[in-house]
Amino acid sequence: MSVLSEKGNKTRALIIETARELFHRQGVRATSIDQILEASGTGKSQFYHYFGSKDEIVHEVLRFYLDIFRSGKAPVKVQIENWDDLESFFLDHVKTIKKYDYERSCPIGSIGGELASENENVRRDVNLVFEYVRDNISSFFDELKSRGELKESADPQSMADFCIASVQGALLVSKVRKDSEAAENTVAHAIKHLESYRKIRSSDS
């Protein structure tokens, strides 16, 4: 029984990983269940054993992204502890779009942009991921403000929203232009803007 369970878990994970890759490469609407089955080498009976519908696998893909953020295994670190981490948060997004030769944007933002206006479940799932990221960044700014290292005008949640929105917009423009200039310029200006709220310019530990 345990061997079958382990095999089943591997099959389920394979289907999710295959769907995740296809959604990121070509979008959710353009990806059919048959394409997922063919690319994963699995059958319809296996798919419907683990997932009741395509919507359900979209949910599982977004849950996967949330899980890797929580575990610290994502390509972009969102557990921000110092200014270097914050800068890496921005720069890692630029590295990612370069990795895919400007053919892809943020996989979470792409799903949200494609489906959130018509699918409330997707909107909630995407928002849950973004909220997790925002809460981590906001907590960093909250801590700085509590130590007197940020100006009184600094609003940690607004600053965190700014980080996410800046990255999402930068990746989209770079994808359309097929170069990293927009993303790199946005990152540089974003970091400069956020640092303008600092009261203490000492090196971060």
Protein backbone atom coordinates (compact mmCIF):
# COMPACT_ATOMS: atom_id res chain seq x y z
CA MET A 1 0.00 0.00 0.00
CA SER A 2 2.79 2.47 0.88
CA VAL A 3 4.55 1.73 -2.42
CA LEU A 4 1.36 2.46 -4.37
CA SER A 5 0.81 5.62 -2.35
CA GLU A 6 4.35 6.80 -3.08
CA LYS A 7 3.88 6.07 -6.78
CA GLY A 8 0.57 7.90 -6.77
CA ASN A 9 2.11 10.94 -5.12
CA LYS A 10 4.86 11.00 -7.74
CA THR A 11 2.31 10.79 -10.54
CA ARG A 12 0.26 13.60 -9.05
CA ALA A 13 3.37 15.76 -8.60
CA LEU A 14 4.42 15.04 -12.19
CA ILE A 15 1.07 16.20 -13.54
CA ILE A 16 1.22 19.40 -11.48
CA GLU A 17 4.79 20.14 -12.57
CA THR A 18 3.93 19.52 -16.22
CA ALA A 19 0.87 21.77 -16.01
CA ARG A 20 2.92 24.45 -14.26
CA GLU A 21 5.51 24.46 -17.04
CA LEU A 22 2.90 24.56 -19.80
CA PHE A 23 0.90 27.32 -18.09
CA HIS A 24 4.05 29.40 -17.73
CA ARG A 25 5.17 28.79 -21.30
CA GLN A 26 1.91 29.24 -23.18
CA GLY A 27 -0.82 30.31 -20.75
CA VAL A 28 -3.68 28.47 -19.07
CA ARG A 29 -6.27 28.94 -21.81
CA ALA A 30 -3.89 27.67 -24.49
CA THR A 31 -3.10 24.55 -22.46
CA SER A 32 -5.49 21.62 -22.73
CA ILE A 33 -5.77 18.65 -20.43
CA ASP A 34 -4.71 16.45 -23.35
CA GLN A 35 -1.50 18.47 -23.70
CA ILE A 36 -0.77 18.02 -20.01
CA LEU A 37 -1.36 14.28 -20.30
CA GLU A 38 0.83 13.94 -23.38
CA ALA A 39 3.68 15.98 -21.92
CA SER A 40 3.55 14.13 -18.59
CA GLY A 41 3.07 10.69 -20.12
CA THR A 42 -0.01 10.05 -18.02
CA GLY A 43 -3.58 9.04 -18.86
CA LYS A 44 -7.01 10.58 -18.36
CA SER A 45 -7.93 8.09 -15.67
CA GLN A 46 -4.86 9.15 -13.68
CA PHE A 47 -5.60 12.85 -14.21
CA TYR A 48 -9.21 12.59 -13.06
CA HIS A 49 -8.21 10.39 -10.15
CA TYR A 50 -6.23 13.32 -8.70
CA PHE A 51 -7.97 16.34 -10.22
CA GLY A 52 -11.65 16.88 -10.88
CA SER A 53 -11.15 19.53 -13.55
CA LYS A 54 -8.69 21.88 -15.21
CA ASP A 55 -9.67 24.56 -12.67
CA GLU A 56 -8.54 22.23 -9.92
CA ILE A 57 -5.10 21.79 -11.40
CA VAL A 58 -4.78 25.58 -11.80
CA HIS A 59 -5.51 25.77 -8.07
CA GLU A 60 -2.85 23.15 -7.34
CA VAL A 61 -0.28 24.98 -9.47
CA LEU A 62 -0.88 28.21 -7.55
CA ARG A 63 -0.72 26.28 -4.29
CA PHE A 64 2.64 24.91 -5.45
CA TYR A 65 3.98 28.46 -5.86
CA LEU A 66 2.75 29.40 -2.40
CA ASP A 67 4.39 26.31 -0.92
CA ILE A 68 7.81 27.01 -2.47
CA PHE A 69 7.68 30.61 -1.28
CA ARG A 70 6.91 29.40 2.22
CA SER A 71 9.70 26.82 2.14
CA GLY A 72 12.26 29.28 0.73
CA LYS A 73 12.79 27.10 -2.35
CA ALA A 74 11.49 29.61 -4.89
CA PRO A 75 13.90 31.26 -7.36
CA VAL A 76 12.98 34.56 -5.70
CA LYS A 77 13.49 34.88 -1.95
CA VAL A 78 10.60 36.64 -0.25
CA GLN A 79 11.69 36.23 3.37
CA ILE A 80 13.22 39.70 3.59
CA GLU A 81 15.55 40.30 6.54
CA ASN A 82 17.72 43.19 5.35
CA TRP A 83 18.18 45.63 2.48
CA ASP A 84 20.38 43.18 0.58
CA ASP A 85 17.51 40.67 0.61
CA LEU A 86 15.15 43.35 -0.68
CA GLU A 87 17.51 44.22 -3.51
CA SER A 88 17.83 40.51 -4.34
CA PHE A 89 14.04 40.25 -4.45
CA PHE A 90 14.06 42.72 -7.33
CA LEU A 91 17.17 41.46 -9.08
CA ASP A 92 16.10 37.81 -8.93
CA HIS A 93 13.01 38.69 -10.95
CA VAL A 94 15.21 40.28 -13.60
CA LYS A 95 17.41 37.17 -13.68
CA THR A 96 14.32 35.02 -14.16
CA ILE A 97 13.04 36.88 -17.19
CA LYS A 98 16.53 36.78 -18.72
CA LYS A 99 16.63 33.03 -18.09
CA TYR A 100 13.56 32.57 -20.25
CA ASP A 101 14.89 34.94 -22.93
CA TYR A 102 12.03 37.41 -22.30
CA GLU A 103 9.42 34.88 -23.48
CA ARG A 104 7.76 34.60 -20.06
CA SER A 105 6.65 36.92 -17.29
CA CYS A 106 5.89 36.09 -13.66
CA PRO A 107 3.96 32.77 -13.69
CA ILE A 108 1.67 33.88 -10.87
CA GLY A 109 0.97 37.29 -12.34
CA SER A 110 0.40 35.73 -15.76
CA ILE A 111 -2.27 33.38 -14.42
CA GLY A 112 -3.87 36.24 -12.52
CA GLY A 113 -3.86 38.53 -15.53
CA GLU A 114 -5.35 35.83 -17.72
CA LEU A 115 -8.08 34.46 -15.46
CA ALA A 116 -8.67 36.56 -12.34
CA SER A 117 -11.38 38.76 -13.86
CA GLU A 118 -13.50 35.77 -14.84
CA ASN A 119 -12.67 33.16 -12.22
CA GLU A 120 -13.13 34.17 -8.60
CA ASN A 121 -11.34 31.07 -7.30
CA VAL A 122 -8.26 31.88 -9.35
CA ARG A 123 -8.38 35.51 -8.21
CA ARG A 124 -8.43 34.38 -4.58
CA ASP A 125 -5.58 31.91 -5.11
CA VAL A 126 -3.38 34.47 -6.87
CA ASN A 127 -4.20 37.05 -4.21
CA LEU A 128 -3.23 34.57 -1.50
CA VAL A 129 0.24 34.19 -3.03
CA PHE A 130 0.67 37.94 -3.44
CA GLU A 131 -0.54 38.50 0.13
CA TYR A 132 2.09 36.11 1.43
CA VAL A 133 4.81 37.99 -0.45
CA ARG A 134 3.42 41.37 0.62
CA ASP A 135 3.21 40.33 4.27
CA ASN A 136 6.86 39.23 4.28
CA ILE A 137 8.07 42.47 2.73
CA SER A 138 5.76 44.58 4.88
CA SER A 139 7.06 42.85 8.02
CA PHE A 140 10.58 43.89 7.09
CA PHE A 141 9.54 47.53 6.73
CA ASP A 142 7.49 47.30 9.96
CA GLU A 143 10.56 46.11 11.82
CA LEU A 144 12.69 48.93 10.42
CA LYS A 145 10.07 51.51 11.35
CA SER A 146 9.75 50.13 14.87
CA ARG A 147 13.53 50.58 15.26
CA GLY A 148 13.29 54.17 14.08
CA GLU A 149 15.12 53.46 10.84
CA LEU A 150 12.34 54.65 8.53
CA LYS A 151 10.75 58.07 8.25
CA GLU A 152 7.39 58.58 9.90
CA SER A 153 5.80 58.99 6.46
CA ALA A 154 6.75 55.42 5.54
CA ASP A 155 3.75 53.09 5.20
CA PRO A 156 5.06 49.50 5.28
CA GLN A 157 2.07 47.93 3.53
CA SER A 158 2.03 50.54 0.78
CA MET A 159 5.77 50.08 0.29
CA ALA A 160 5.29 46.31 0.04
CA ASP A 161 2.52 46.77 -2.54
CA PHE A 162 4.84 49.08 -4.46
CA CYS A 163 7.51 46.35 -4.55
CA ILE A 164 5.13 43.78 -6.00
CA ALA A 165 3.47 46.13 -8.49
CA SER A 166 6.84 47.45 -9.69
CA VAL A 167 8.16 43.97 -10.34
CA GLN A 168 5.01 42.78 -12.09
CA GLY A 169 4.90 45.79 -14.39
CA ALA A 170 8.61 45.65 -15.13
CA LEU A 171 8.47 41.98 -16.12
CA LEU A 172 5.49 42.54 -18.41
CA VAL A 173 7.12 45.46 -20.24
CA SER A 174 10.40 43.58 -20.61
CA LYS A 175 8.53 40.60 -22.03
CA VAL A 176 6.80 42.82 -24.60
CA ARG A 177 10.02 44.63 -25.54
CA LYS A 178 12.08 41.43 -25.36
CA ASP A 179 14.90 43.07 -23.44
CA SER A 180 15.72 43.65 -19.78
CA GLU A 181 16.18 47.42 -19.91
CA ALA A 182 12.72 48.25 -18.57
CA ALA A 183 13.05 45.76 -15.72
CA GLU A 184 16.56 46.89 -14.83
CA ASN A 185 15.57 50.56 -14.88
CA THR A 186 12.47 49.90 -12.80
CA VAL A 187 14.45 47.90 -10.25
CA ALA A 188 17.04 50.66 -9.91
CA HIS A 189 14.43 53.38 -9.45
CA ALA A 190 12.35 51.24 -7.10
CA ILE A 191 15.27 50.54 -4.79
CA LYS A 192 16.25 54.22 -4.83
CA HIS A 193 12.68 55.23 -4.01
CA LEU A 194 12.41 52.77 -1.12
CA GLU A 195 15.77 53.84 0.29
CA SER A 196 14.53 57.44 0.35
CA TYR A 197 12.43 56.42 3.35
CA ARG A 198 15.50 55.43 5.36
CA LYS A 199 16.60 57.57 8.29
CA ILE A 200 19.73 55.55 9.01
CA ARG A 201 22.22 54.85 6.24
CA SER A 202 24.48 52.48 8.13
CA SER A 203 25.34 49.12 6.57
CA ASP A 204 22.77 46.36 7.05
CA SER A 205 23.51 43.20 8.97
